Amino acid sequence: MRRKDREITDIATIEGIIHKGQVCRLGLSENGRPYIIPLCFGYKDNNLYFHTAREGKKLDILRKNNNVCFEITIDNELVKSKEACGYNMKYQSVIGFGKATFIEDIDSKRKAFDIIMQNYSYRSFEYPVEAIKNTVIIIKVEIESMTGKKSAY
Protein backbone atom coordinates (compact mmCIF):
# COMPACT_ATOMS: atom_id res chain seq x y z
CA MET A 1 0.00 0.00 0.00
CA ARG A 2 1.45 3.33 -1.05
CA ARG A 3 -0.02 5.36 1.83
CA LYS A 4 1.15 3.45 4.89
CA ASP A 5 -0.38 6.16 7.12
CA ARG A 6 -3.81 5.03 5.91
CA GLU A 7 -3.22 1.28 6.15
CA ILE A 8 -5.14 -0.82 8.69
CA THR A 9 -3.23 -3.94 9.69
CA ASP A 10 -5.08 -4.99 12.85
CA ILE A 11 -7.28 -7.98 11.92
CA ALA A 12 -9.87 -7.14 14.59
CA THR A 13 -10.29 -3.66 13.07
CA ILE A 14 -10.52 -5.12 9.56
CA GLU A 15 -13.14 -7.62 10.70
CA GLY A 16 -15.01 -4.81 12.46
CA ILE A 17 -15.27 -2.98 9.14
CA ILE A 18 -16.53 -6.15 7.45
CA HIS A 19 -19.16 -6.73 10.16
CA LYS A 20 -20.35 -3.13 9.93
CA GLY A 21 -20.59 -3.24 6.12
CA GLN A 22 -23.96 -3.48 4.43
CA VAL A 23 -22.84 -4.12 0.84
CA CYS A 24 -19.92 -6.13 -0.51
CA ARG A 25 -18.80 -5.45 -4.05
CA LEU A 26 -17.64 -8.69 -5.60
CA GLY A 27 -15.20 -8.41 -8.49
CA LEU A 28 -15.04 -11.16 -11.09
CA SER A 29 -13.17 -11.52 -14.37
CA GLU A 30 -14.49 -12.89 -17.64
CA ASN A 31 -12.07 -13.13 -20.55
CA GLY A 32 -9.90 -10.41 -19.04
CA ARG A 33 -12.83 -8.02 -18.51
CA PRO A 34 -13.82 -7.00 -14.98
CA TYR A 35 -17.36 -7.49 -13.71
CA ILE A 36 -18.37 -6.00 -10.36
CA ILE A 37 -21.61 -6.61 -8.50
CA PRO A 38 -22.89 -5.21 -5.18
CA LEU A 39 -24.27 -7.96 -2.94
CA CYS A 40 -25.69 -8.59 0.51
CA PHE A 41 -23.27 -10.82 2.39
CA GLY A 42 -22.24 -12.54 5.57
CA TYR A 43 -18.80 -13.10 7.08
CA LYS A 44 -17.50 -15.78 9.42
CA ASP A 45 -14.15 -17.50 10.00
CA ASN A 46 -12.35 -15.73 7.15
CA ASN A 47 -15.09 -16.61 4.64
CA LEU A 48 -17.65 -14.45 2.85
CA TYR A 49 -21.08 -15.83 1.94
CA PHE A 50 -23.48 -14.62 -0.76
CA HIS A 51 -26.77 -16.02 -2.01
CA THR A 52 -27.88 -16.06 -5.62
CA ALA A 53 -30.40 -17.59 -7.98
CA ARG A 54 -29.39 -20.81 -9.72
CA GLU A 55 -28.72 -18.99 -13.00
CA GLY A 56 -27.06 -15.76 -13.96
CA LYS A 57 -23.97 -14.00 -15.24
CA LYS A 58 -21.98 -14.16 -11.97
CA LEU A 59 -22.43 -17.93 -11.78
CA ASP A 60 -21.45 -18.33 -15.42
CA ILE A 61 -18.28 -16.33 -14.77
CA LEU A 62 -17.43 -18.11 -11.50
CA ARG A 63 -17.79 -21.53 -13.11
CA LYS A 64 -15.00 -20.55 -15.52
CA ASN A 65 -12.85 -18.48 -13.13
CA ASN A 66 -13.34 -18.68 -9.36
CA ASN A 67 -10.72 -16.03 -8.52
CA VAL A 68 -12.44 -13.02 -6.95
CA CYS A 69 -11.74 -9.66 -5.42
CA PHE A 70 -14.04 -7.99 -2.92
CA GLU A 71 -14.48 -4.52 -1.43
CA ILE A 72 -16.46 -3.25 1.55
CA THR A 73 -16.61 0.44 2.51
CA ILE A 74 -18.16 2.02 5.60
CA ASP A 75 -18.54 5.52 7.02
CA ASN A 76 -18.43 7.31 3.65
CA GLU A 77 -18.53 11.07 4.02
CA LEU A 78 -17.45 13.87 1.71
CA VAL A 79 -14.90 16.21 3.29
CA LYS A 80 -15.29 19.64 1.67
CA SER A 81 -12.66 22.31 1.27
CA LYS A 82 -12.36 25.82 -0.11
CA GLU A 83 -9.96 24.48 -2.74
CA ALA A 84 -10.91 21.83 -5.31
CA CYS A 85 -7.79 19.79 -4.59
CA GLY A 86 -8.57 19.91 -0.87
CA TYR A 87 -11.74 17.83 -1.21
CA ASN A 88 -11.40 14.36 0.23
CA MET A 89 -13.48 11.36 1.18
CA LYS A 90 -13.69 10.02 4.72
CA TYR A 91 -14.03 6.23 4.76
CA GLN A 92 -12.84 2.90 6.06
CA SER A 93 -12.55 0.00 3.64
CA VAL A 94 -11.40 -3.55 3.18
CA ILE A 95 -10.20 -5.04 -0.09
CA GLY A 96 -9.36 -8.70 -0.43
CA PHE A 97 -8.86 -11.65 -2.71
CA GLY A 98 -10.06 -15.21 -2.57
CA LYS A 99 -11.48 -18.26 -4.28
CA ALA A 100 -15.20 -18.84 -4.73
CA THR A 101 -16.93 -22.19 -4.36
CA PHE A 102 -20.60 -23.14 -4.42
CA ILE A 103 -22.57 -24.57 -1.52
CA GLU A 104 -25.54 -26.56 -2.70
CA ASP A 105 -26.49 -29.01 0.08
CA ILE A 106 -29.49 -27.93 2.18
CA ASP A 107 -27.93 -28.00 5.67
CA SER A 108 -24.86 -26.02 4.61
CA LYS A 109 -27.10 -23.52 2.81
CA ARG A 110 -29.13 -22.98 5.98
CA LYS A 111 -25.96 -22.32 7.99
CA ALA A 112 -24.72 -19.91 5.34
CA PHE A 113 -28.09 -18.12 5.27
CA ASP A 114 -27.85 -17.69 9.04
CA ILE A 115 -24.41 -16.11 8.62
CA ILE A 116 -25.74 -13.76 5.94
CA MET A 117 -28.82 -12.79 7.96
CA GLN A 118 -26.74 -12.13 11.10
CA ASN A 119 -25.18 -9.24 9.19
CA TYR A 120 -28.61 -7.58 8.89
CA SER A 121 -30.74 -8.80 11.79
CA TYR A 122 -30.46 -10.38 15.22
CA ARG A 123 -33.56 -12.50 14.60
CA SER A 124 -33.51 -16.15 13.70
CA PHE A 125 -35.22 -17.24 10.50
CA GLU A 126 -36.75 -20.31 8.92
CA TYR A 127 -35.96 -20.97 5.27
CA PRO A 128 -38.47 -22.81 3.07
CA VAL A 129 -36.84 -26.09 2.02
CA GLU A 130 -38.24 -26.06 -1.51
CA ALA A 131 -37.14 -22.48 -2.13
CA ILE A 132 -33.62 -23.24 -0.93
CA LYS A 133 -33.44 -26.54 -2.78
CA ASN A 134 -34.72 -25.33 -6.12
CA THR A 135 -33.73 -21.68 -6.45
CA VAL A 136 -30.75 -20.74 -4.33
CA ILE A 137 -27.01 -21.28 -4.51
CA ILE A 138 -24.65 -20.00 -1.86
CA ILE A 139 -21.31 -18.61 -3.00
CA LYS A 140 -18.59 -19.06 -0.40
CA VAL A 141 -15.40 -17.05 -0.80
CA GLU A 142 -12.41 -18.34 1.13
CA ILE A 143 -10.37 -15.21 1.76
CA GLU A 144 -6.70 -15.57 0.82
CA SER A 145 -5.65 -12.02 1.68
CA MET A 146 -7.20 -8.71 2.69
CA THR A 147 -6.08 -5.24 3.66
CA GLY A 148 -7.78 -2.33 5.35
CA LYS A 149 -7.53 1.37 4.62
CA LYS A 150 -8.88 4.53 6.23
CA SER A 151 -8.91 8.14 5.13
CA ALA A 152 -9.66 11.34 7.05
CA TYR A 153 -9.64 9.53 10.42
C-alpha atoms as a PDB file:
ATOM      1  CA  MET A   1       0.000   0.000   0.000  1.00  0.00           C
ATOM      2  CA  ARG A   2       1.451   3.331  -1.050  1.00  0.00           C
ATOM      3  CA  ARG A   3      -0.023   5.365   1.828  1.00  0.00           C
ATOM      4  CA  LYS A   4       1.150   3.454   4.894  1.00  0.00           C
ATOM      5  CA  ASP A   5      -0.381   6.161   7.124  1.00  0.00           C
ATOM      6  CA  ARG A   6      -3.812   5.026   5.910  1.00  0.00           C
ATOM      7  CA  GLU A   7      -3.222   1.282   6.154  1.00  0.00           C
ATOM      8  CA  ILE A   8      -5.139  -0.815   8.686  1.00  0.00           C
ATOM      9  CA  THR A   9      -3.229  -3.940   9.692  1.00  0.00           C
ATOM     10  CA  ASP A  10      -5.075  -4.993  12.855  1.00  0.00           C
ATOM     11  CA  ILE A  11      -7.277  -7.978  11.919  1.00  0.00           C
ATOM     12  CA  ALA A  12      -9.872  -7.138  14.586  1.00  0.00           C
ATOM     13  CA  THR A  13     -10.289  -3.659  13.073  1.00  0.00           C
ATOM     14  CA  ILE A  14     -10.519  -5.122   9.564  1.00  0.00           C
ATOM     15  CA  GLU A  15     -13.144  -7.622  10.698  1.00  0.00           C
ATOM     16  CA  GLY A  16     -15.010  -4.809  12.457  1.00  0.00           C
ATOM     17  CA  ILE A  17     -15.275  -2.977   9.138  1.00  0.00           C
ATOM     18  CA  ILE A  18     -16.532  -6.147   7.452  1.00  0.00           C
ATOM     19  CA  HIS A  19     -19.163  -6.732  10.157  1.00  0.00           C
ATOM     20  CA  LYS A  20     -20.350  -3.128   9.932  1.00  0.00           C
ATOM     21  CA  GLY A  21     -20.587  -3.243   6.121  1.00  0.00           C
ATOM     22  CA  GLN A  22     -23.956  -3.482   4.431  1.00  0.00           C
ATOM     23  CA  VAL A  23     -22.836  -4.120   0.843  1.00  0.00           C
ATOM     24  CA  CYS A  24     -19.920  -6.125  -0.506  1.00  0.00           C
ATOM     25  CA  ARG A  25     -18.805  -5.453  -4.048  1.00  0.00           C
ATOM     26  CA  LEU A  26     -17.642  -8.688  -5.604  1.00  0.00           C
ATOM     27  CA  GLY A  27     -15.202  -8.414  -8.492  1.00  0.00           C
ATOM     28  CA  LEU A  28     -15.041 -11.163 -11.090  1.00  0.00           C
ATOM     29  CA  SER A  29     -13.175 -11.524 -14.370  1.00  0.00           C
ATOM     30  CA  GLU A  30     -14.489 -12.893 -17.642  1.00  0.00           C
ATOM     31  CA  ASN A  31     -12.066 -13.128 -20.551  1.00  0.00           C
ATOM     32  CA  GLY A  32      -9.895 -10.413 -19.036  1.00  0.00           C
ATOM     33  CA  ARG A  33     -12.827  -8.023 -18.512  1.00  0.00           C
ATOM     34  CA  PRO A  34     -13.821  -6.998 -14.976  1.00  0.00           C
ATOM     35  CA  TYR A  35     -17.363  -7.494 -13.713  1.00  0.00           C
ATOM     36  CA  ILE A  36     -18.368  -6.000 -10.356  1.00  0.00           C
ATOM     37  CA  ILE A  37     -21.613  -6.612  -8.497  1.00  0.00           C
ATOM     38  CA  PRO A  38     -22.894  -5.209  -5.184  1.00  0.00           C
ATOM     39  CA  LEU A  39     -24.271  -7.962  -2.941  1.00  0.00           C
ATOM     40  CA  CYS A  40     -25.694  -8.593   0.507  1.00  0.00           C
ATOM     41  CA  PHE A  41     -23.272 -10.823   2.387  1.00  0.00           C
ATOM     42  CA  GLY A  42     -22.239 -12.536   5.571  1.00  0.00           C
ATOM     43  CA  TYR A  43     -18.799 -13.099   7.084  1.00  0.00           C
ATOM     44  CA  LYS A  44     -17.504 -15.781   9.424  1.00  0.00           C
ATOM     45  CA  ASP A  45     -14.153 -17.505  10.000  1.00  0.00           C
ATOM     46  CA  ASN A  46     -12.348 -15.729   7.149  1.00  0.00           C
ATOM     47  CA  ASN A  47     -15.089 -16.606   4.641  1.00  0.00           C
ATOM     48  CA  LEU A  48     -17.650 -14.454   2.852  1.00  0.00           C
ATOM     49  CA  TYR A  49     -21.080 -15.825   1.940  1.00  0.00           C
ATOM     50  CA  PHE A  50     -23.483 -14.618  -0.763  1.00  0.00           C
ATOM     51  CA  HIS A  51     -26.772 -16.023  -2.012  1.00  0.00           C
ATOM     52  CA  THR A  52     -27.882 -16.059  -5.616  1.00  0.00           C
ATOM     53  CA  ALA A  53     -30.398 -17.591  -7.978  1.00  0.00           C
ATOM     54  CA  ARG A  54     -29.392 -20.806  -9.723  1.00  0.00           C
ATOM     55  CA  GLU A  55     -28.723 -18.994 -13.001  1.00  0.00           C
ATOM     56  CA  GLY A  56     -27.055 -15.762 -13.962  1.00  0.00           C
ATOM     57  CA  LYS A  57     -23.973 -14.004 -15.237  1.00  0.00           C
ATOM     58  CA  LYS A  58     -21.985 -14.159 -11.972  1.00  0.00           C
ATOM     59  CA  LEU A  59     -22.434 -17.932 -11.776  1.00  0.00           C
ATOM     60  CA  ASP A  60     -21.447 -18.334 -15.423  1.00  0.00           C
ATOM     61  CA  ILE A  61     -18.276 -16.332 -14.774  1.00  0.00           C
ATOM     62  CA  LEU A  62     -17.426 -18.110 -11.497  1.00  0.00           C
ATOM     63  CA  ARG A  63     -17.791 -21.528 -13.108  1.00  0.00           C
ATOM     64  CA  LYS A  64     -14.996 -20.551 -15.521  1.00  0.00           C
ATOM     65  CA  ASN A  65     -12.855 -18.480 -13.128  1.00  0.00           C
ATOM     66  CA  ASN A  66     -13.336 -18.685  -9.360  1.00  0.00           C
ATOM     67  CA  ASN A  67     -10.724 -16.025  -8.522  1.00  0.00           C
ATOM     68  CA  VAL A  68     -12.443 -13.025  -6.955  1.00  0.00           C
ATOM     69  CA  CYS A  69     -11.736  -9.660  -5.423  1.00  0.00           C
ATOM     70  CA  PHE A  70     -14.044  -7.988  -2.918  1.00  0.00           C
ATOM     71  CA  GLU A  71     -14.480  -4.522  -1.432  1.00  0.00           C
ATOM     72  CA  ILE A  72     -16.462  -3.250   1.555  1.00  0.00           C
ATOM     73  CA  THR A  73     -16.613   0.438   2.508  1.00  0.00           C
ATOM     74  CA  ILE A  74     -18.156   2.020   5.604  1.00  0.00           C
ATOM     75  CA  ASP A  75     -18.540   5.524   7.017  1.00  0.00           C
ATOM     76  CA  ASN A  76     -18.426   7.310   3.652  1.00  0.00           C
ATOM     77  CA  GLU A  77     -18.528  11.068   4.020  1.00  0.00           C
ATOM     78  CA  LEU A  78     -17.454  13.872   1.708  1.00  0.00           C
ATOM     79  CA  VAL A  79     -14.897  16.215   3.293  1.00  0.00           C
ATOM     80  CA  LYS A  80     -15.295  19.642   1.666  1.00  0.00           C
ATOM     81  CA  SER A  81     -12.659  22.310   1.267  1.00  0.00           C
ATOM     82  CA  LYS A  82     -12.359  25.821  -0.110  1.00  0.00           C
ATOM     83  CA  GLU A  83      -9.961  24.475  -2.742  1.00  0.00           C
ATOM     84  CA  ALA A  84     -10.907  21.831  -5.307  1.00  0.00           C
ATOM     85  CA  CYS A  85      -7.789  19.792  -4.587  1.00  0.00           C
ATOM     86  CA  GLY A  86      -8.570  19.913  -0.867  1.00  0.00           C
ATOM     87  CA  TYR A  87     -11.736  17.831  -1.205  1.00  0.00           C
ATOM     88  CA  ASN A  88     -11.402  14.360   0.233  1.00  0.00           C
ATOM     89  CA  MET A  89     -13.482  11.358   1.180  1.00  0.00           C
ATOM     90  CA  LYS A  90     -13.689  10.025   4.718  1.00  0.00           C
ATOM     91  CA  TYR A  91     -14.026   6.232   4.765  1.00  0.00           C
ATOM     92  CA  GLN A  92     -12.835   2.900   6.056  1.00  0.00           C
ATOM     93  CA  SER A  93     -12.552  -0.001   3.642  1.00  0.00           C
ATOM     94  CA  VAL A  94     -11.396  -3.553   3.185  1.00  0.00           C
ATOM     95  CA  ILE A  95     -10.198  -5.040  -0.088  1.00  0.00           C
ATOM     96  CA  GLY A  96      -9.364  -8.698  -0.429  1.00  0.00           C
ATOM     97  CA  PHE A  97      -8.857 -11.646  -2.715  1.00  0.00           C
ATOM     98  CA  GLY A  98     -10.064 -15.210  -2.575  1.00  0.00           C
ATOM     99  CA  LYS A  99     -11.482 -18.258  -4.277  1.00  0.00           C
ATOM    100  CA  ALA A 100     -15.199 -18.836  -4.726  1.00  0.00           C
ATOM    101  CA  THR A 101     -16.929 -22.193  -4.361  1.00  0.00           C
ATOM    102  CA  PHE A 102     -20.598 -23.145  -4.419  1.00  0.00           C
ATOM    103  CA  ILE A 103     -22.572 -24.572  -1.519  1.00  0.00           C
ATOM    104  CA  GLU A 104     -25.541 -26.563  -2.705  1.00  0.00           C
ATOM    105  CA  ASP A 105     -26.487 -29.005   0.079  1.00  0.00           C
ATOM    106  CA  ILE A 106     -29.488 -27.926   2.176  1.00  0.00           C
ATOM    107  CA  ASP A 107     -27.931 -27.997   5.668  1.00  0.00           C
ATOM    108  CA  SER A 108     -24.865 -26.017   4.610  1.00  0.00           C
ATOM    109  CA  LYS A 109     -27.104 -23.523   2.805  1.00  0.00           C
ATOM    110  CA  ARG A 110     -29.135 -22.980   5.981  1.00  0.00           C
ATOM    111  CA  LYS A 111     -25.964 -22.325   7.993  1.00  0.00           C
ATOM    112  CA  ALA A 112     -24.723 -19.906   5.336  1.00  0.00           C
ATOM    113  CA  PHE A 113     -28.093 -18.123   5.269  1.00  0.00           C
ATOM    114  CA  ASP A 114     -27.854 -17.694   9.039  1.00  0.00           C
ATOM    115  CA  ILE A 115     -24.409 -16.110   8.616  1.00  0.00           C
ATOM    116  CA  ILE A 116     -25.744 -13.757   5.937  1.00  0.00           C
ATOM    117  CA  MET A 117     -28.824 -12.790   7.958  1.00  0.00           C
ATOM    118  CA  GLN A 118     -26.738 -12.132  11.095  1.00  0.00           C
ATOM    119  CA  ASN A 119     -25.184  -9.242   9.194  1.00  0.00           C
ATOM    120  CA  TYR A 120     -28.610  -7.578   8.889  1.00  0.00           C
ATOM    121  CA  SER A 121     -30.736  -8.801  11.794  1.00  0.00           C
ATOM    122  CA  TYR A 122     -30.459 -10.385  15.225  1.00  0.00           C
ATOM    123  CA  ARG A 123     -33.563 -12.497  14.596  1.00  0.00           C
ATOM    124  CA  SER A 124     -33.513 -16.155  13.699  1.00  0.00           C
ATOM    125  CA  PHE A 125     -35.215 -17.245  10.505  1.00  0.00           C
ATOM    126  CA  GLU A 126     -36.751 -20.314   8.917  1.00  0.00           C
ATOM    127  CA  TYR A 127     -35.956 -20.973   5.265  1.00  0.00           C
ATOM    128  CA  PRO A 128     -38.474 -22.815   3.071  1.00  0.00           C
ATOM    129  CA  VAL A 129     -36.838 -26.086   2.020  1.00  0.00           C
ATOM    130  CA  GLU A 130     -38.244 -26.057  -1.509  1.00  0.00           C
ATOM    131  CA  ALA A 131     -37.143 -22.478  -2.134  1.00  0.00           C
ATOM    132  CA  ILE A 132     -33.620 -23.236  -0.930  1.00  0.00           C
ATOM    133  CA  LYS A 133     -33.436 -26.542  -2.776  1.00  0.00           C
ATOM    134  CA  ASN A 134     -34.722 -25.326  -6.117  1.00  0.00           C
ATOM    135  CA  THR A 135     -33.729 -21.682  -6.450  1.00  0.00           C
ATOM    136  CA  VAL A 136     -30.754 -20.736  -4.331  1.00  0.00           C
ATOM    137  CA  ILE A 137     -27.014 -21.280  -4.511  1.00  0.00           C
ATOM    138  CA  ILE A 138     -24.652 -19.995  -1.861  1.00  0.00           C
ATOM    139  CA  ILE A 139     -21.312 -18.614  -3.001  1.00  0.00           C
ATOM    140  CA  LYS A 140     -18.591 -19.062  -0.404  1.00  0.00           C
ATOM    141  CA  VAL A 141     -15.403 -17.049  -0.796  1.00  0.00           C
ATOM    142  CA  GLU A 142     -12.411 -18.336   1.126  1.00  0.00           C
ATOM    143  CA  ILE A 143     -10.373 -15.207   1.755  1.00  0.00           C
ATOM    144  CA  GLU A 144      -6.705 -15.572   0.823  1.00  0.00           C
ATOM    145  CA  SER A 145      -5.654 -12.020   1.679  1.00  0.00           C
ATOM    146  CA  MET A 146      -7.201  -8.714   2.687  1.00  0.00           C
ATOM    147  CA  THR A 147      -6.085  -5.240   3.662  1.00  0.00           C
ATOM    148  CA  GLY A 148      -7.777  -2.331   5.354  1.00  0.00           C
ATOM    149  CA  LYS A 149      -7.529   1.365   4.621  1.00  0.00           C
ATOM    150  CA  LYS A 150      -8.876   4.528   6.228  1.00  0.00           C
ATOM    151  CA  SER A 151      -8.910   8.139   5.128  1.00  0.00           C
ATOM    152  CA  ALA A 152      -9.657  11.341   7.049  1.00  0.00           C
ATOM    153  CA  TYR A 153      -9.644   9.534  10.422  1.00  0.00           C
END
